[in-house]
Amino acid sequence: MLLSEASSLTAREHLSVLGPAGISVDVAASSRLAIARFSRWCHRTVHVPRSADDAKGYLDAIAAALRGGRYDALLPTHEQAWLFAAGRHLLPADAPLAVADIEAFDQVQGKLACCRLLDQVGLAQPAWSGLATAGEARRVELPCWLKASFSTAGRGVRYVTSPGQAARAYGELVPARPNAPAHVPPPCAHSRPASAAATGSGTAARYSHHCPQTRHR
């Protein structure tokens, strides 16, 4: 098996599960210090360009590795799943890869698009609205979470409790990513409530929430 990257804790956890199960796992890495390279379960490293800097070069390197015929599966662990879907035509036709079409990814890649999709299929979610101006941000129901449509690791999230704070938060988020959705009510409405705040307005720990409706979809 080939993992799509080696720098995340997710990649390391995949190794710690697959390796002891007797599966030989190689990792694609663009850095000599990638964390997964130091795992006892890492069989081999495939050197690739950093996908964020050279997406075409990254896909070419992955394609070359797959053509060797040594892999039964290519497993994307992070945003490389989107890249594999978008660049599927650049990979071998028989690549051992299971990802959705790029059109499916586009429906959930951003928070705003995902909110609309959940409404369409009837899945429960916190109340939300799309904001186009700082003035609209001042009029949202408070308190709420203001979120950039595209962000990660809590860096595009602000908890706001006043109209002025909401307008300022909108100004911070929009220069990078427009159309920020506002989620209300406060954190208790989220499916994984936070036990403590972490760096970047994220959560230090989360609790799972049983949702039979989701399981049966």
N, C-alpha and C. Protein backbone atom coordinates (compact mmCIF):
# COMPACT_ATOMS: atom_id res chain seq x y z
N MET A 1 0.84 -1.19 0.00
CA MET A 1 0.00 0.00 0.00
C MET A 1 0.88 1.25 0.00
N LEU A 2 0.38 2.30 -0.66
CA LEU A 2 1.09 3.58 -0.69
C LEU A 2 0.20 4.65 -0.06
N LEU A 3 0.71 5.33 0.97
CA LEU A 3 0.00 6.45 1.57
C LEU A 3 0.35 7.73 0.82
N SER A 4 -0.61 8.61 0.68
CA SER A 4 -0.44 9.79 -0.17
C SER A 4 0.49 10.84 0.42
N GLU A 5 0.75 10.78 1.73
CA GLU A 5 1.67 11.74 2.35
C GLU A 5 2.20 11.13 3.64
N ALA A 6 3.18 11.80 4.25
CA ALA A 6 3.84 11.24 5.42
C ALA A 6 4.01 12.25 6.54
N SER A 7 3.43 13.44 6.39
CA SER A 7 3.69 14.51 7.36
C SER A 7 2.63 14.67 8.43
N SER A 8 1.51 13.99 8.32
CA SER A 8 0.41 14.20 9.25
C SER A 8 0.35 13.10 10.31
N LEU A 9 -0.32 13.43 11.41
CA LEU A 9 -0.58 12.42 12.44
C LEU A 9 -1.50 11.34 11.88
N THR A 10 -2.34 11.72 10.92
CA THR A 10 -3.22 10.74 10.29
C THR A 10 -2.41 9.66 9.59
N ALA A 11 -1.38 10.07 8.86
CA ALA A 11 -0.53 9.09 8.18
C ALA A 11 0.15 8.18 9.20
N ARG A 12 0.62 8.76 10.28
CA ARG A 12 1.28 7.95 11.30
C ARG A 12 0.31 6.94 11.90
N GLU A 13 -0.94 7.36 12.14
CA GLU A 13 -1.93 6.45 12.72
C GLU A 13 -2.27 5.34 11.73
N HIS A 14 -2.34 5.66 10.45
CA HIS A 14 -2.58 4.61 9.46
C HIS A 14 -1.48 3.56 9.52
N LEU A 15 -0.25 4.01 9.63
CA LEU A 15 0.87 3.08 9.72
C LEU A 15 0.77 2.20 10.97
N SER A 16 0.38 2.80 12.09
CA SER A 16 0.33 2.06 13.35
C SER A 16 -0.79 1.03 13.37
N VAL A 17 -1.76 1.17 12.45
CA VAL A 17 -2.84 0.19 12.34
C VAL A 17 -2.53 -0.84 11.26
N LEU A 18 -2.08 -0.37 10.10
CA LEU A 18 -1.85 -1.27 8.98
C LEU A 18 -0.61 -2.13 9.17
N GLY A 19 0.46 -1.53 9.69
CA GLY A 19 1.70 -2.28 9.86
C GLY A 19 1.56 -3.50 10.74
N PRO A 20 1.03 -3.36 11.96
CA PRO A 20 0.87 -4.54 12.82
C PRO A 20 -0.07 -5.59 12.25
N ALA A 21 -0.92 -5.18 11.30
CA ALA A 21 -1.83 -6.13 10.67
C ALA A 21 -1.14 -6.92 9.55
N GLY A 22 0.14 -6.64 9.35
CA GLY A 22 0.90 -7.38 8.36
C GLY A 22 0.88 -6.80 6.97
N ILE A 23 0.41 -5.54 6.84
CA ILE A 23 0.35 -4.89 5.54
C ILE A 23 1.61 -4.07 5.32
N SER A 24 2.28 -4.27 4.21
CA SER A 24 3.48 -3.52 3.88
C SER A 24 3.06 -2.15 3.36
N VAL A 25 3.55 -1.08 3.99
CA VAL A 25 3.11 0.27 3.67
C VAL A 25 4.29 1.16 3.31
N ASP A 26 4.23 1.78 2.13
CA ASP A 26 5.17 2.81 1.73
C ASP A 26 4.48 4.16 1.90
N VAL A 27 5.28 5.22 2.02
CA VAL A 27 4.70 6.56 2.17
C VAL A 27 5.29 7.49 1.12
N ALA A 28 4.46 8.40 0.61
CA ALA A 28 4.93 9.45 -0.28
C ALA A 28 5.32 10.64 0.58
N ALA A 29 6.53 11.13 0.43
CA ALA A 29 7.02 12.20 1.30
C ALA A 29 7.80 13.23 0.51
N SER A 30 7.60 14.49 0.87
CA SER A 30 8.35 15.58 0.23
C SER A 30 9.39 16.17 1.18
N SER A 31 9.42 15.68 2.41
CA SER A 31 10.37 16.18 3.41
C SER A 31 11.11 15.03 4.06
N ARG A 32 12.38 15.23 4.31
CA ARG A 32 13.16 14.20 5.01
C ARG A 32 12.75 14.07 6.46
N LEU A 33 12.02 15.08 6.98
CA LEU A 33 11.61 15.06 8.39
C LEU A 33 10.14 14.69 8.57
N ALA A 34 9.50 14.20 7.52
CA ALA A 34 8.10 13.80 7.63
C ALA A 34 7.95 12.74 8.71
N ILE A 35 6.97 12.92 9.59
CA ILE A 35 6.85 12.10 10.79
C ILE A 35 6.70 10.60 10.49
N ALA A 36 5.94 10.26 9.44
CA ALA A 36 5.68 8.86 9.16
C ALA A 36 6.94 8.11 8.70
N ARG A 37 7.93 8.83 8.22
CA ARG A 37 9.17 8.18 7.77
C ARG A 37 9.90 7.51 8.93
N PHE A 38 9.64 7.96 10.14
CA PHE A 38 10.36 7.44 11.29
C PHE A 38 9.61 6.31 12.00
N SER A 39 8.49 5.91 11.43
CA SER A 39 7.74 4.81 12.02
C SER A 39 8.40 3.48 11.68
N ARG A 40 8.39 2.57 12.62
CA ARG A 40 8.93 1.24 12.37
C ARG A 40 8.14 0.50 11.28
N TRP A 41 6.90 0.97 11.03
CA TRP A 41 6.02 0.30 10.07
C TRP A 41 6.14 0.89 8.67
N CYS A 42 6.97 1.91 8.51
CA CYS A 42 7.19 2.49 7.18
C CYS A 42 8.19 1.62 6.44
N HIS A 43 7.74 0.98 5.37
CA HIS A 43 8.60 0.06 4.64
C HIS A 43 9.56 0.80 3.71
N ARG A 44 9.04 1.86 3.06
CA ARG A 44 9.83 2.54 2.04
C ARG A 44 9.25 3.93 1.82
N THR A 45 10.12 4.87 1.41
CA THR A 45 9.68 6.23 1.13
C THR A 45 9.75 6.52 -0.37
N VAL A 46 8.65 7.03 -0.91
CA VAL A 46 8.62 7.48 -2.30
C VAL A 46 8.74 9.00 -2.28
N HIS A 47 9.80 9.53 -2.83
CA HIS A 47 10.03 10.98 -2.80
C HIS A 47 9.16 11.67 -3.86
N VAL A 48 8.41 12.68 -3.41
CA VAL A 48 7.49 13.41 -4.29
C VAL A 48 7.62 14.90 -4.02
N PRO A 49 7.27 15.75 -5.00
CA PRO A 49 7.22 17.19 -4.72
C PRO A 49 6.08 17.48 -3.75
N ARG A 50 6.15 18.62 -3.10
CA ARG A 50 5.07 19.04 -2.22
C ARG A 50 3.84 19.36 -3.06
N SER A 51 2.73 18.69 -2.79
CA SER A 51 1.55 18.81 -3.65
C SER A 51 1.01 20.23 -3.70
N ALA A 52 1.15 20.99 -2.60
CA ALA A 52 0.65 22.36 -2.58
C ALA A 52 1.48 23.28 -3.47
N ASP A 53 2.73 22.94 -3.72
CA ASP A 53 3.62 23.77 -4.54
C ASP A 53 3.68 23.32 -5.99
N ASP A 54 3.55 22.01 -6.21
CA ASP A 54 3.69 21.46 -7.56
C ASP A 54 2.72 20.28 -7.71
N ALA A 55 1.45 20.60 -7.90
CA ALA A 55 0.44 19.55 -7.96
C ALA A 55 0.69 18.58 -9.12
N LYS A 56 1.04 19.12 -10.29
CA LYS A 56 1.30 18.26 -11.46
C LYS A 56 2.51 17.37 -11.21
N GLY A 57 3.59 17.93 -10.64
CA GLY A 57 4.77 17.13 -10.35
C GLY A 57 4.48 16.04 -9.34
N TYR A 58 3.65 16.38 -8.35
CA TYR A 58 3.26 15.39 -7.34
C TYR A 58 2.50 14.24 -7.99
N LEU A 59 1.52 14.57 -8.82
CA LEU A 59 0.73 13.52 -9.48
C LEU A 59 1.60 12.68 -10.41
N ASP A 60 2.54 13.30 -11.09
CA ASP A 60 3.44 12.56 -11.97
C ASP A 60 4.29 11.56 -11.17
N ALA A 61 4.76 11.99 -10.00
CA ALA A 61 5.58 11.11 -9.16
C ALA A 61 4.76 9.94 -8.63
N ILE A 62 3.51 10.22 -8.24
CA ILE A 62 2.63 9.15 -7.76
C ILE A 62 2.33 8.18 -8.90
N ALA A 63 2.07 8.73 -10.09
CA ALA A 63 1.78 7.88 -11.25
C ALA A 63 2.96 6.97 -11.56
N ALA A 64 4.16 7.50 -11.50
CA ALA A 64 5.36 6.70 -11.78
C ALA A 64 5.50 5.57 -10.77
N ALA A 65 5.21 5.86 -9.50
CA ALA A 65 5.30 4.83 -8.47
C ALA A 65 4.27 3.73 -8.70
N LEU A 66 3.07 4.12 -9.13
CA LEU A 66 2.01 3.13 -9.36
C LEU A 66 2.32 2.25 -10.56
N ARG A 67 2.96 2.80 -11.55
CA ARG A 67 3.26 2.02 -12.76
C ARG A 67 4.23 0.88 -12.48
N GLY A 68 4.91 0.95 -11.37
CA GLY A 68 5.82 -0.14 -11.01
C GLY A 68 5.09 -1.43 -10.66
N GLY A 69 3.79 -1.31 -10.39
CA GLY A 69 2.98 -2.49 -10.11
C GLY A 69 3.16 -3.10 -8.74
N ARG A 70 3.77 -2.38 -7.82
CA ARG A 70 4.04 -2.96 -6.50
C ARG A 70 2.94 -2.68 -5.48
N TYR A 71 1.94 -1.86 -5.85
CA TYR A 71 0.93 -1.45 -4.87
C TYR A 71 -0.45 -2.02 -5.18
N ASP A 72 -1.10 -2.51 -4.13
CA ASP A 72 -2.49 -2.97 -4.25
C ASP A 72 -3.47 -1.85 -3.95
N ALA A 73 -2.99 -0.78 -3.33
CA ALA A 73 -3.90 0.32 -2.99
C ALA A 73 -3.11 1.61 -2.82
N LEU A 74 -3.69 2.70 -3.29
CA LEU A 74 -3.20 4.05 -3.04
C LEU A 74 -4.20 4.70 -2.08
N LEU A 75 -3.74 5.07 -0.89
CA LEU A 75 -4.65 5.56 0.15
C LEU A 75 -4.40 7.04 0.43
N PRO A 76 -5.32 7.91 0.02
CA PRO A 76 -5.17 9.33 0.35
C PRO A 76 -5.56 9.58 1.80
N THR A 77 -4.70 10.23 2.55
CA THR A 77 -4.97 10.46 3.97
C THR A 77 -5.48 11.86 4.26
N HIS A 78 -5.25 12.81 3.34
CA HIS A 78 -5.71 14.18 3.56
C HIS A 78 -6.21 14.78 2.25
N GLU A 79 -5.89 16.07 2.00
CA GLU A 79 -6.45 16.77 0.85
C GLU A 79 -5.98 16.18 -0.49
N GLN A 80 -5.03 15.25 -0.44
CA GLN A 80 -4.63 14.59 -1.68
C GLN A 80 -5.81 13.83 -2.31
N ALA A 81 -6.81 13.48 -1.51
CA ALA A 81 -7.99 12.81 -2.07
C ALA A 81 -8.64 13.70 -3.12
N TRP A 82 -8.76 15.00 -2.80
CA TRP A 82 -9.33 15.94 -3.78
C TRP A 82 -8.44 16.03 -5.01
N LEU A 83 -7.14 16.08 -4.79
CA LEU A 83 -6.21 16.21 -5.92
C LEU A 83 -6.26 14.97 -6.81
N PHE A 84 -6.37 13.79 -6.21
CA PHE A 84 -6.49 12.57 -7.01
C PHE A 84 -7.78 12.58 -7.83
N ALA A 85 -8.85 13.11 -7.25
CA ALA A 85 -10.12 13.17 -7.98
C ALA A 85 -10.01 14.16 -9.14
N ALA A 86 -9.41 15.33 -8.87
CA ALA A 86 -9.29 16.36 -9.91
C ALA A 86 -8.31 15.93 -11.00
N GLY A 87 -7.26 15.21 -10.62
CA GLY A 87 -6.24 14.81 -11.59
C GLY A 87 -6.27 13.34 -11.92
N ARG A 88 -7.45 12.73 -11.79
CA ARG A 88 -7.57 11.28 -12.03
C ARG A 88 -7.05 10.90 -13.41
N HIS A 89 -7.25 11.78 -14.39
CA HIS A 89 -6.81 11.49 -15.76
C HIS A 89 -5.29 11.45 -15.90
N LEU A 90 -4.58 11.96 -14.91
CA LEU A 90 -3.11 11.96 -14.95
C LEU A 90 -2.51 10.72 -14.29
N LEU A 91 -3.37 9.92 -13.68
CA LEU A 91 -2.91 8.68 -13.04
C LEU A 91 -3.19 7.50 -13.95
N PRO A 92 -2.50 6.38 -13.77
CA PRO A 92 -2.77 5.21 -14.61
C PRO A 92 -4.24 4.81 -14.55
N ALA A 93 -4.77 4.34 -15.66
CA ALA A 93 -6.19 3.97 -15.72
C ALA A 93 -6.53 2.89 -14.71
N ASP A 94 -5.57 2.02 -14.41
CA ASP A 94 -5.82 0.92 -13.48
C ASP A 94 -5.29 1.22 -12.07
N ALA A 95 -5.11 2.50 -11.76
CA ALA A 95 -4.61 2.88 -10.43
C ALA A 95 -5.51 2.31 -9.35
N PRO A 96 -4.95 1.65 -8.34
CA PRO A 96 -5.76 1.05 -7.26
C PRO A 96 -6.22 2.12 -6.27
N LEU A 97 -7.17 2.93 -6.71
CA LEU A 97 -7.58 4.10 -5.96
C LEU A 97 -9.10 4.19 -5.92
N ALA A 98 -9.65 4.43 -4.73
CA ALA A 98 -11.09 4.58 -4.58
C ALA A 98 -11.40 5.96 -4.03
N VAL A 99 -11.74 6.90 -4.92
CA VAL A 99 -12.16 8.24 -4.52
C VAL A 99 -13.37 8.63 -5.35
N ALA A 100 -14.17 9.53 -4.81
CA ALA A 100 -15.35 10.01 -5.53
C ALA A 100 -14.93 10.90 -6.69
N ASP A 101 -15.88 11.17 -7.58
CA ASP A 101 -15.63 12.11 -8.67
C ASP A 101 -15.42 13.51 -8.11
N ILE A 102 -14.74 14.36 -8.89
CA ILE A 102 -14.47 15.72 -8.43
C ILE A 102 -15.77 16.49 -8.19
N GLU A 103 -16.82 16.17 -8.95
CA GLU A 103 -18.10 16.85 -8.76
C GLU A 103 -18.66 16.58 -7.38
N ALA A 104 -18.45 15.38 -6.87
CA ALA A 104 -18.91 15.04 -5.52
C ALA A 104 -18.09 15.79 -4.47
N PHE A 105 -16.78 15.87 -4.68
CA PHE A 105 -15.93 16.61 -3.76
C PHE A 105 -16.36 18.06 -3.66
N ASP A 106 -16.71 18.65 -4.80
CA ASP A 106 -17.07 20.06 -4.82
C ASP A 106 -18.31 20.36 -3.98
N GLN A 107 -19.12 19.35 -3.72
CA GLN A 107 -20.33 19.54 -2.93
C GLN A 107 -20.05 19.61 -1.43
N VAL A 108 -18.89 19.15 -1.01
CA VAL A 108 -18.58 19.13 0.42
C VAL A 108 -17.25 19.79 0.77
N GLN A 109 -16.51 20.24 -0.24
CA GLN A 109 -15.18 20.79 0.01
C GLN A 109 -15.24 22.07 0.84
N GLY A 110 -16.22 22.93 0.56
CA GLY A 110 -16.39 24.15 1.33
C GLY A 110 -17.55 24.02 2.31
N LYS A 111 -17.49 24.76 3.40
CA LYS A 111 -18.55 24.67 4.40
C LYS A 111 -19.89 25.14 3.86
N LEU A 112 -19.85 26.19 3.04
CA LEU A 112 -21.10 26.73 2.50
C LEU A 112 -21.78 25.70 1.60
N ALA A 113 -21.01 25.08 0.69
CA ALA A 113 -21.58 24.07 -0.19
C ALA A 113 -22.06 22.87 0.61
N CYS A 114 -21.32 22.49 1.64
CA CYS A 114 -21.69 21.35 2.47
C CYS A 114 -22.99 21.63 3.22
N CYS A 115 -23.14 22.86 3.74
CA CYS A 115 -24.38 23.23 4.43
C CYS A 115 -25.58 23.08 3.50
N ARG A 116 -25.43 23.53 2.27
CA ARG A 116 -26.53 23.44 1.31
C ARG A 116 -26.85 21.99 0.99
N LEU A 117 -25.81 21.16 0.88
CA LEU A 117 -26.04 19.75 0.58
C LEU A 117 -26.78 19.07 1.74
N LEU A 118 -26.39 19.34 2.97
CA LEU A 118 -27.06 18.74 4.12
C LEU A 118 -28.53 19.13 4.16
N ASP A 119 -28.82 20.38 3.81
CA ASP A 119 -30.22 20.80 3.74
C ASP A 119 -30.96 20.02 2.65
N GLN A 120 -30.32 19.83 1.52
CA GLN A 120 -30.97 19.14 0.40
C GLN A 120 -31.31 17.70 0.72
N VAL A 121 -30.42 17.01 1.45
CA VAL A 121 -30.66 15.60 1.75
C VAL A 121 -31.38 15.40 3.07
N GLY A 122 -31.67 16.50 3.79
CA GLY A 122 -32.46 16.41 5.00
C GLY A 122 -31.72 15.96 6.24
N LEU A 123 -30.40 16.15 6.28
CA LEU A 123 -29.63 15.80 7.47
C LEU A 123 -29.60 16.99 8.43
N ALA A 124 -29.76 16.71 9.71
CA ALA A 124 -29.79 17.77 10.72
C ALA A 124 -28.44 18.46 10.82
N GLN A 125 -28.45 19.76 11.02
CA GLN A 125 -27.25 20.53 11.24
C GLN A 125 -27.64 21.81 11.98
N PRO A 126 -26.67 22.51 12.58
CA PRO A 126 -26.99 23.78 13.23
C PRO A 126 -27.55 24.77 12.21
N ALA A 127 -28.39 25.68 12.67
CA ALA A 127 -28.91 26.72 11.78
C ALA A 127 -27.74 27.50 11.20
N TRP A 128 -27.86 27.95 9.95
CA TRP A 128 -26.75 28.64 9.30
C TRP A 128 -27.29 29.65 8.31
N SER A 129 -26.43 30.57 7.92
CA SER A 129 -26.76 31.52 6.87
C SER A 129 -25.47 31.96 6.20
N GLY A 130 -25.53 32.25 4.90
CA GLY A 130 -24.37 32.76 4.18
C GLY A 130 -24.32 34.27 4.30
N LEU A 131 -23.14 34.81 4.51
CA LEU A 131 -22.97 36.24 4.71
C LEU A 131 -22.18 36.85 3.54
N ALA A 132 -22.70 37.95 3.02
CA ALA A 132 -22.04 38.60 1.88
C ALA A 132 -21.38 39.91 2.26
N THR A 133 -21.75 40.50 3.42
CA THR A 133 -21.19 41.78 3.84
C THR A 133 -21.01 41.79 5.35
N ALA A 134 -20.17 42.73 5.81
CA ALA A 134 -20.00 42.90 7.25
C ALA A 134 -21.31 43.35 7.90
N GLY A 135 -22.13 44.10 7.15
CA GLY A 135 -23.42 44.52 7.66
C GLY A 135 -24.32 43.34 7.95
N GLU A 136 -24.30 42.33 7.08
CA GLU A 136 -25.08 41.12 7.33
C GLU A 136 -24.55 40.39 8.55
N ALA A 137 -23.24 40.42 8.73
CA ALA A 137 -22.65 39.77 9.90
C ALA A 137 -23.16 40.42 11.19
N ARG A 138 -23.38 41.72 11.18
CA ARG A 138 -23.89 42.42 12.37
C ARG A 138 -25.30 41.97 12.75
N ARG A 139 -26.04 41.41 11.79
CA ARG A 139 -27.44 41.08 12.04
C ARG A 139 -27.69 39.60 12.31
N VAL A 140 -26.62 38.78 12.41
CA VAL A 140 -26.84 37.36 12.67
C VAL A 140 -27.29 37.15 14.12
N GLU A 141 -27.96 36.04 14.33
CA GLU A 141 -28.39 35.68 15.68
C GLU A 141 -27.15 35.36 16.53
N LEU A 142 -27.08 35.93 17.70
CA LEU A 142 -25.91 35.78 18.55
C LEU A 142 -26.27 35.06 19.85
N PRO A 143 -25.25 34.37 20.43
CA PRO A 143 -23.87 34.17 19.93
C PRO A 143 -23.85 33.13 18.81
N CYS A 144 -22.77 33.12 18.05
CA CYS A 144 -22.65 32.14 16.97
C CYS A 144 -21.19 31.93 16.62
N TRP A 145 -20.96 30.91 15.81
CA TRP A 145 -19.64 30.66 15.23
C TRP A 145 -19.64 31.24 13.81
N LEU A 146 -18.68 32.08 13.51
CA LEU A 146 -18.51 32.62 12.16
C LEU A 146 -17.37 31.84 11.51
N LYS A 147 -17.64 31.24 10.36
CA LYS A 147 -16.66 30.35 9.75
C LYS A 147 -16.38 30.72 8.30
N ALA A 148 -15.12 30.74 7.94
CA ALA A 148 -14.76 30.88 6.53
C ALA A 148 -15.16 29.60 5.81
N SER A 149 -15.60 29.72 4.57
CA SER A 149 -16.06 28.53 3.86
C SER A 149 -14.93 27.53 3.65
N PHE A 150 -13.71 28.02 3.47
CA PHE A 150 -12.55 27.14 3.30
C PHE A 150 -11.51 27.49 4.35
N SER A 151 -11.25 26.57 5.24
CA SER A 151 -10.22 26.77 6.26
C SER A 151 -9.96 25.43 6.93
N THR A 152 -8.91 25.37 7.73
CA THR A 152 -8.59 24.12 8.41
C THR A 152 -7.94 24.43 9.76
N ALA A 153 -7.97 23.45 10.63
CA ALA A 153 -7.31 23.53 11.94
C ALA A 153 -7.81 24.69 12.79
N GLY A 154 -9.06 25.10 12.60
CA GLY A 154 -9.65 26.15 13.44
C GLY A 154 -9.22 27.55 13.10
N ARG A 155 -8.39 27.73 12.06
CA ARG A 155 -7.88 29.07 11.76
C ARG A 155 -8.91 29.97 11.09
N GLY A 156 -9.97 29.38 10.53
CA GLY A 156 -10.99 30.17 9.89
C GLY A 156 -12.29 30.20 10.66
N VAL A 157 -12.19 30.15 11.99
CA VAL A 157 -13.38 30.11 12.84
C VAL A 157 -13.28 31.18 13.92
N ARG A 158 -14.37 31.90 14.15
CA ARG A 158 -14.42 32.90 15.22
C ARG A 158 -15.74 32.74 15.99
N TYR A 159 -15.65 32.76 17.30
CA TYR A 159 -16.84 32.74 18.15
C TYR A 159 -17.19 34.18 18.49
N VAL A 160 -18.38 34.62 18.12
CA VAL A 160 -18.74 36.03 18.28
C VAL A 160 -19.98 36.15 19.17
N THR A 161 -19.99 37.23 19.96
CA THR A 161 -21.09 37.44 20.91
C THR A 161 -21.74 38.81 20.78
N SER A 162 -21.23 39.66 19.87
CA SER A 162 -21.80 40.99 19.70
C SER A 162 -21.76 41.37 18.21
N PRO A 163 -22.63 42.30 17.78
CA PRO A 163 -22.62 42.72 16.37
C PRO A 163 -21.28 43.27 15.92
N GLY A 164 -20.64 44.08 16.76
CA GLY A 164 -19.34 44.63 16.40
C GLY A 164 -18.29 43.55 16.25
N GLN A 165 -18.30 42.60 17.17
CA GLN A 165 -17.35 41.50 17.10
C GLN A 165 -17.58 40.66 15.84
N ALA A 166 -18.85 40.46 15.48
CA ALA A 166 -19.17 39.69 14.28
C ALA A 166 -18.66 40.41 13.03
N ALA A 167 -18.83 41.73 12.96
CA ALA A 167 -18.36 42.49 11.81
C ALA A 167 -16.84 42.44 11.69
N ARG A 168 -16.16 42.55 12.84
CA ARG A 168 -14.69 42.49 12.81
C ARG A 168 -14.22 41.10 12.38
N ALA A 169 -14.88 40.07 12.90
CA ALA A 169 -14.51 38.70 12.53
C ALA A 169 -14.73 38.47 11.05
N TYR A 170 -15.81 39.01 10.51
CA TYR A 170 -16.08 38.88 9.07
C TYR A 170 -14.93 39.50 8.27
N GLY A 171 -14.47 40.67 8.71
CA GLY A 171 -13.37 41.33 8.03
C GLY A 171 -12.08 40.53 8.08
N GLU A 172 -11.88 39.79 9.17
CA GLU A 172 -10.68 38.96 9.29
C GLU A 172 -10.75 37.73 8.38
N LEU A 173 -11.95 37.19 8.21
CA LEU A 173 -12.09 35.94 7.48
C LEU A 173 -12.24 36.12 5.98
N VAL A 174 -12.95 37.16 5.57
CA VAL A 174 -13.28 37.32 4.16
C VAL A 174 -12.10 37.61 3.25
N PRO A 175 -11.08 38.37 3.66
CA PRO A 175 -9.97 38.62 2.72
C PRO A 175 -9.36 37.34 2.18
N ALA A 176 -9.37 36.28 3.01
CA ALA A 176 -8.81 35.02 2.55
C ALA A 176 -9.85 34.16 1.84
N ARG A 177 -11.07 34.11 2.39
CA ARG A 177 -12.09 33.25 1.82
C ARG A 177 -13.44 33.93 1.90
N PRO A 178 -14.08 34.26 0.78
CA PRO A 178 -15.38 34.91 0.82
C PRO A 178 -16.50 33.95 1.17
N ASN A 179 -17.70 34.52 1.38
CA ASN A 179 -18.92 33.75 1.63
C ASN A 179 -18.81 32.88 2.87
N ALA A 180 -18.50 33.50 3.98
CA ALA A 180 -18.38 32.76 5.23
C ALA A 180 -19.77 32.44 5.78
N PRO A 181 -20.04 31.17 6.09
CA PRO A 181 -21.32 30.84 6.69
C PRO A 181 -21.30 31.07 8.19
N ALA A 182 -22.40 31.54 8.73
CA ALA A 182 -22.50 31.73 10.18
C ALA A 182 -23.33 30.60 10.76
N HIS A 183 -22.81 29.94 11.77
CA HIS A 183 -23.51 28.83 12.39
C HIS A 183 -24.08 29.28 13.73
N VAL A 184 -25.36 29.08 13.93
CA VAL A 184 -26.00 29.36 15.20
C VAL A 184 -26.89 28.18 15.54
N PRO A 185 -27.12 27.90 16.82
CA PRO A 185 -26.65 28.59 18.01
C PRO A 185 -25.22 28.22 18.38
N PRO A 186 -24.80 28.51 19.64
CA PRO A 186 -23.42 28.31 20.05
C PRO A 186 -23.01 26.84 20.11
N PRO A 187 -21.75 26.57 20.56
CA PRO A 187 -21.13 25.27 20.36
C PRO A 187 -21.91 24.06 20.81
N CYS A 188 -22.82 24.22 21.74
CA CYS A 188 -23.56 23.04 22.20
C CYS A 188 -24.39 22.43 21.09
N ALA A 189 -24.64 23.16 20.03
CA ALA A 189 -25.45 22.63 18.93
C ALA A 189 -24.64 21.77 17.97
N HIS A 190 -23.32 21.82 18.06
CA HIS A 190 -22.49 21.06 17.15
C HIS A 190 -22.51 19.59 17.54
N SER A 191 -22.32 18.73 16.55
CA SER A 191 -22.40 17.29 16.80
C SER A 191 -21.24 16.78 17.63
N ARG A 192 -20.12 17.51 17.67
CA ARG A 192 -18.98 17.13 18.50
C ARG A 192 -18.61 18.32 19.38
N PRO A 193 -19.30 18.50 20.52
CA PRO A 193 -19.05 19.66 21.36
C PRO A 193 -17.62 19.69 21.91
N ALA A 194 -17.10 20.89 22.05
CA ALA A 194 -15.73 21.05 22.52
C ALA A 194 -15.68 20.97 24.03
N SER A 195 -14.63 20.31 24.57
CA SER A 195 -14.43 20.28 26.01
C SER A 195 -13.52 21.40 26.46
N ALA A 196 -12.70 21.90 25.55
CA ALA A 196 -11.79 23.00 25.88
C ALA A 196 -11.33 23.64 24.59
N ALA A 197 -11.01 24.93 24.66
CA ALA A 197 -10.56 25.65 23.47
C ALA A 197 -9.08 25.37 23.23
N ALA A 198 -8.70 25.37 21.96
CA ALA A 198 -7.30 25.15 21.59
C ALA A 198 -6.83 26.32 20.74
N THR A 199 -5.58 26.26 20.30
CA THR A 199 -5.02 27.31 19.47
C THR A 199 -5.81 27.46 18.18
N GLY A 200 -6.07 28.70 17.76
CA GLY A 200 -6.76 28.94 16.51
C GLY A 200 -8.25 28.80 16.59
N SER A 201 -8.83 28.92 17.78
CA SER A 201 -10.26 28.83 17.98
C SER A 201 -10.80 27.43 17.72
N GLY A 202 -9.93 26.45 17.65
CA GLY A 202 -10.36 25.07 17.48
C GLY A 202 -10.72 24.46 18.81
N THR A 203 -10.64 23.13 18.91
CA THR A 203 -10.96 22.45 20.16
C THR A 203 -9.81 21.57 20.58
N ALA A 204 -9.55 21.55 21.89
CA ALA A 204 -8.46 20.73 22.40
C ALA A 204 -8.87 19.27 22.45
N ALA A 205 -10.16 19.01 22.61
CA ALA A 205 -10.67 17.64 22.64
C ALA A 205 -12.12 17.65 22.23
N ARG A 206 -12.58 16.55 21.64
CA ARG A 206 -13.96 16.46 21.20
C ARG A 206 -14.57 15.17 21.70
N TYR A 207 -15.88 15.17 21.85
CA TYR A 207 -16.61 13.98 22.21
C TYR A 207 -17.44 13.52 21.02
N SER A 208 -17.49 12.21 20.78
CA SER A 208 -18.33 11.70 19.72
C SER A 208 -19.79 11.81 20.14
N HIS A 209 -20.66 11.95 19.16
CA HIS A 209 -22.08 12.09 19.42
C HIS A 209 -22.84 11.07 18.58
N HIS A 210 -23.60 10.19 19.23
CA HIS A 210 -24.34 9.16 18.53
C HIS A 210 -25.47 9.78 17.73
N CYS A 211 -25.52 9.49 16.43
CA CYS A 211 -26.54 10.08 15.58
C CYS A 211 -27.11 8.98 14.68
N PRO A 212 -28.16 8.29 15.12
CA PRO A 212 -28.74 7.19 14.32
C PRO A 212 -29.15 7.62 12.93
N GLN A 213 -29.62 8.88 12.79
CA GLN A 213 -30.07 9.36 11.48
C GLN A 213 -28.93 9.32 10.47
N THR A 214 -27.74 9.72 10.91
CA THR A 214 -26.58 9.71 10.02
C THR A 214 -26.17 8.27 9.68
N ARG A 215 -26.19 7.40 10.67
CA ARG A 215 -25.77 6.03 10.45
C ARG A 215 -26.66 5.30 9.42
N HIS A 216 -27.91 5.68 9.36
CA HIS A 216 -28.85 4.98 8.47
C HIS A 216 -28.94 5.60 7.09
N ARG A 217 -28.18 6.67 6.84
CA ARG A 217 -28.20 7.28 5.51
C ARG A 217 -27.33 6.50 4.55
